[in-house]
Protein backbone atom coordinates (compact mmCIF):
# COMPACT_ATOMS: atom_id res chain seq x y z
CA UNK A 1 39.96 16.86 4.65
CA UNK A 2 36.83 18.78 4.25
CA UNK A 3 34.55 16.61 6.51
CA UNK A 4 34.18 19.25 9.58
CA UNK A 5 33.37 22.15 7.13
CA UNK A 6 30.84 19.88 5.41
CA UNK A 7 29.36 18.67 8.50
CA UNK A 8 29.36 22.21 10.29
CA UNK A 9 27.43 23.77 6.97
CA UNK A 10 24.51 20.37 6.92
CA UNK A 11 24.08 21.10 10.65
CA UNK A 12 23.51 24.72 10.16
CA UNK A 13 20.99 23.88 7.34
CA UNK A 14 19.04 21.12 9.55
CA UNK A 15 19.16 23.46 12.71
CA UNK A 16 17.24 26.18 10.75
CA UNK A 17 14.42 23.78 9.49
CA UNK A 18 11.04 24.84 11.02
CA UNK A 19 9.62 22.51 13.70
CA UNK A 20 6.10 23.16 12.94
CA UNK A 21 6.64 22.36 9.12
CA UNK A 22 8.67 19.32 9.95
CA UNK A 23 5.75 18.30 12.59
CA UNK A 24 3.25 19.06 9.62
CA UNK A 25 5.00 17.10 7.17
CA UNK A 26 5.20 13.89 9.33
CA UNK A 27 1.53 14.27 10.29
CA UNK A 28 0.19 14.11 6.62
CA UNK A 29 2.21 11.13 5.96
CA UNK A 30 1.12 9.56 9.02
CA UNK A 31 -2.42 10.11 7.86
CA UNK A 32 -1.78 9.14 4.10
CA UNK A 33 -3.13 6.20 2.33
CA UNK A 34 -1.00 6.51 -0.92
CA UNK A 35 1.88 8.82 -1.28
CA UNK A 36 3.53 9.68 -4.74
CA UNK A 37 6.99 11.15 -4.88
CA UNK A 38 8.69 13.02 -7.84
CA UNK A 39 12.03 14.77 -8.13
CA UNK A 40 14.60 15.31 -10.75
CA UNK A 41 18.47 14.52 -10.86
CA UNK A 42 19.88 14.22 -7.60
CA UNK A 43 16.65 15.57 -5.97
CA UNK A 44 15.06 12.82 -7.50
CA UNK A 45 17.21 10.01 -6.16
CA UNK A 46 16.86 11.32 -2.73
CA UNK A 47 13.11 11.38 -3.00
CA UNK A 48 13.39 7.45 -4.25
CA UNK A 49 15.48 6.58 -1.14
CA UNK A 50 12.88 8.24 0.97
CA UNK A 51 10.07 6.64 -1.04
CA UNK A 52 11.87 3.13 -0.19
CA UNK A 53 11.97 3.95 3.46
CA UNK A 54 7.77 4.60 3.21
CA UNK A 55 7.59 1.21 1.77
CA UNK A 56 9.65 -0.35 4.57
CA UNK A 57 7.15 1.65 6.80
CA UNK A 58 4.17 -0.20 5.41
CA UNK A 59 2.87 2.89 3.51
CA UNK A 60 1.70 2.74 -0.10
CA UNK A 61 4.32 4.85 -2.16
CA UNK A 62 5.00 5.29 -5.71
CA UNK A 63 7.57 7.07 -7.68
CA UNK A 64 5.88 9.50 -10.34
CA UNK A 65 6.99 8.15 -14.01
CA UNK A 66 7.53 4.51 -13.17
CA UNK A 67 5.38 2.43 -15.36
CA UNK A 68 4.01 0.46 -12.61
CA UNK A 69 2.65 3.69 -10.92
CA UNK A 70 -1.10 3.95 -10.62
CA UNK A 71 -3.54 7.01 -11.21
CA UNK A 72 -3.37 9.63 -8.51
CA UNK A 73 -6.63 9.88 -6.76
CA UNK A 74 -8.24 12.59 -4.63
CA UNK A 75 -6.79 12.64 -1.20
CA UNK A 76 -3.60 10.89 -2.10
CA UNK A 77 -0.26 12.71 -1.26
CA UNK A 78 2.10 13.74 -3.84
CA UNK A 79 5.61 14.73 -2.29
CA UNK A 80 7.61 17.04 -4.73
CA UNK A 81 11.52 17.42 -4.10
CA UNK A 82 13.37 20.36 -5.89
CA UNK A 83 16.07 22.54 -4.46
CA UNK A 84 15.32 25.41 -6.63
CA UNK A 85 11.42 24.86 -6.51
CA UNK A 86 11.21 25.44 -10.23
CA UNK A 87 12.15 22.42 -11.69
CA UNK A 88 9.37 22.54 -14.76
CA UNK A 89 8.33 18.93 -14.38
CA UNK A 90 8.03 18.70 -10.75
CA UNK A 91 6.06 22.11 -10.27
CA UNK A 92 3.82 20.84 -13.36
CA UNK A 93 3.23 17.65 -11.74
CA UNK A 94 2.45 19.42 -8.27
CA UNK A 95 0.03 21.56 -9.98
CA UNK A 96 -1.82 18.68 -11.63
CA UNK A 97 -1.82 16.78 -8.22
CA UNK A 98 -3.64 19.81 -6.59
CA UNK A 99 -6.18 19.93 -9.53
CA UNK A 100 -7.03 16.28 -9.12
CA UNK A 101 -7.60 16.70 -5.61
CA UNK A 102 -4.25 15.35 -3.90
CA UNK A 103 -2.58 17.00 -0.98
CA UNK A 104 0.72 18.29 -2.24
CA UNK A 105 3.77 18.30 -0.03
CA UNK A 106 7.05 19.93 -1.00
CA UNK A 107 10.63 20.05 -0.09
CA UNK A 108 12.72 23.01 -1.42
CA UNK A 109 15.37 25.46 -0.60
CA UNK A 110 13.52 28.43 -1.77
CA UNK A 111 10.60 29.84 0.04
CA UNK A 112 9.49 32.16 -2.67
CA UNK A 113 9.36 29.33 -5.49
CA UNK A 114 6.76 28.08 -7.94
CA UNK A 115 6.59 24.78 -6.44
CA UNK A 116 6.18 26.10 -2.78
CA UNK A 117 3.09 28.09 -4.27
CA UNK A 118 1.43 25.07 -5.56
CA UNK A 119 1.78 22.88 -2.34
CA UNK A 120 -0.51 22.54 0.85
CA UNK A 121 2.54 22.06 3.02
CA UNK A 122 6.06 22.40 2.54
CA UNK A 123 9.27 21.97 4.33
CA UNK A 124 12.03 24.60 3.41
CA UNK A 125 15.55 23.07 3.88
CA UNK A 126 17.47 26.32 3.39
CA UNK A 127 20.56 25.10 1.77
CA UNK A 128 22.34 27.63 -0.96
CA UNK A 129 21.17 26.56 -4.46
CA UNK A 130 23.25 27.39 -7.47
CA UNK A 131 21.23 29.54 -9.67
CA UNK A 132 20.56 27.94 -13.04
CA UNK A 133 20.27 29.77 -16.13
CA UNK A 134 17.36 27.45 -17.30
CA UNK A 135 14.24 26.24 -15.51
CA UNK A 136 14.22 22.90 -17.24
CA UNK A 137 16.28 20.04 -15.76
CA UNK A 138 15.99 18.51 -19.41
CA UNK A 139 17.72 21.22 -21.23
CA UNK A 140 20.16 22.01 -18.38
CA UNK A 141 21.36 18.30 -18.91
CA UNK A 142 21.30 18.46 -22.65
CA UNK A 143 23.55 21.66 -22.30
CA UNK A 144 25.93 19.77 -19.88
CA UNK A 145 24.95 21.96 -16.94
CA UNK A 146 22.77 19.89 -14.89
CA UNK A 147 25.51 18.78 -12.40
CA UNK A 148 26.12 21.20 -9.59
CA UNK A 149 29.51 21.91 -8.07
CA UNK A 150 30.13 20.18 -4.76
CA UNK A 151 28.41 22.68 -2.44
CA UNK A 152 25.57 22.46 -4.59
CA UNK A 153 24.97 19.00 -2.95
CA UNK A 154 23.96 20.59 0.41
CA UNK A 155 20.32 20.75 -0.58
CA UNK A 156 20.41 16.83 -1.46
CA UNK A 157 22.27 15.72 1.53
CA UNK A 158 20.52 17.79 4.04
CA UNK A 159 17.41 16.68 2.72
CA UNK A 160 18.45 13.14 3.03
CA UNK A 161 19.16 13.44 6.38
CA UNK A 162 15.84 15.11 6.96
CA UNK A 163 14.33 12.39 5.70
CA UNK A 164 16.09 9.76 7.85
CA UNK A 165 14.86 11.93 10.75
CA UNK A 166 11.36 11.74 9.41
CA UNK A 167 11.68 8.07 9.21
CA UNK A 168 12.50 7.56 12.68
CA UNK A 169 9.64 9.76 13.99
CA UNK A 170 7.37 7.82 11.87
CA UNK A 171 8.57 4.50 13.09
CA UNK A 172 8.26 5.76 17.00
CA UNK A 173 4.59 7.22 15.95
CA UNK A 174 3.60 4.02 13.93
CA UNK A 175 5.44 1.68 16.60
CA UNK A 176 7.22 0.08 13.63
CA UNK A 177 10.66 -1.20 14.32
CA UNK A 178 13.43 -2.09 12.42
CA UNK A 179 12.73 -6.15 12.35
CA UNK A 180 9.43 -5.03 11.13
CA UNK A 181 10.90 -2.84 8.42
CA UNK A 182 13.32 -5.71 7.30
CA UNK A 183 10.28 -7.76 6.47
CA UNK A 184 9.55 -5.33 3.54
CA UNK A 185 13.15 -4.76 2.68
CA UNK A 186 13.92 -6.19 -1.03
CA UNK A 187 14.88 -9.82 -1.07
CA UNK A 188 15.07 -10.25 -4.93
């Protein structure tokens, strides 16, 4: 099986994430009152899993685009996740959030991306991302090209593991244990 090869690639990506970027990311989350997350496709699913963990940590967290998401206010945090850093809806949301006075955090694989240029703070998860011919996720989806080949998952898997490490850091710094987190776990 390919387990070891995949684990080695993930380890390589995680070992190259900047400690300064990661620490700044954690600090911004600790001091945030309200956090909004956005991502498209699989990156969006990873963003939603992190949003759920933030709720378990008693953070007020919302997913952009859901019907129950309130208006963003000055000082709120937007966390934008995009491997390419060029997903139009994510980049435009980051631009709008900055214009509204939010702190914009991003997770991307590309240091030179449009998303990173619209963020206050970024963590680069330097996984190889397949180049896209179109920048819009929706257009790629219509053409049947929204799915990545298996190695395209390296960004999402590495980001998921990075987020789980962030959760553990937040648990320590916020002094919230697993039993306390379980109290906010869905029960319906």
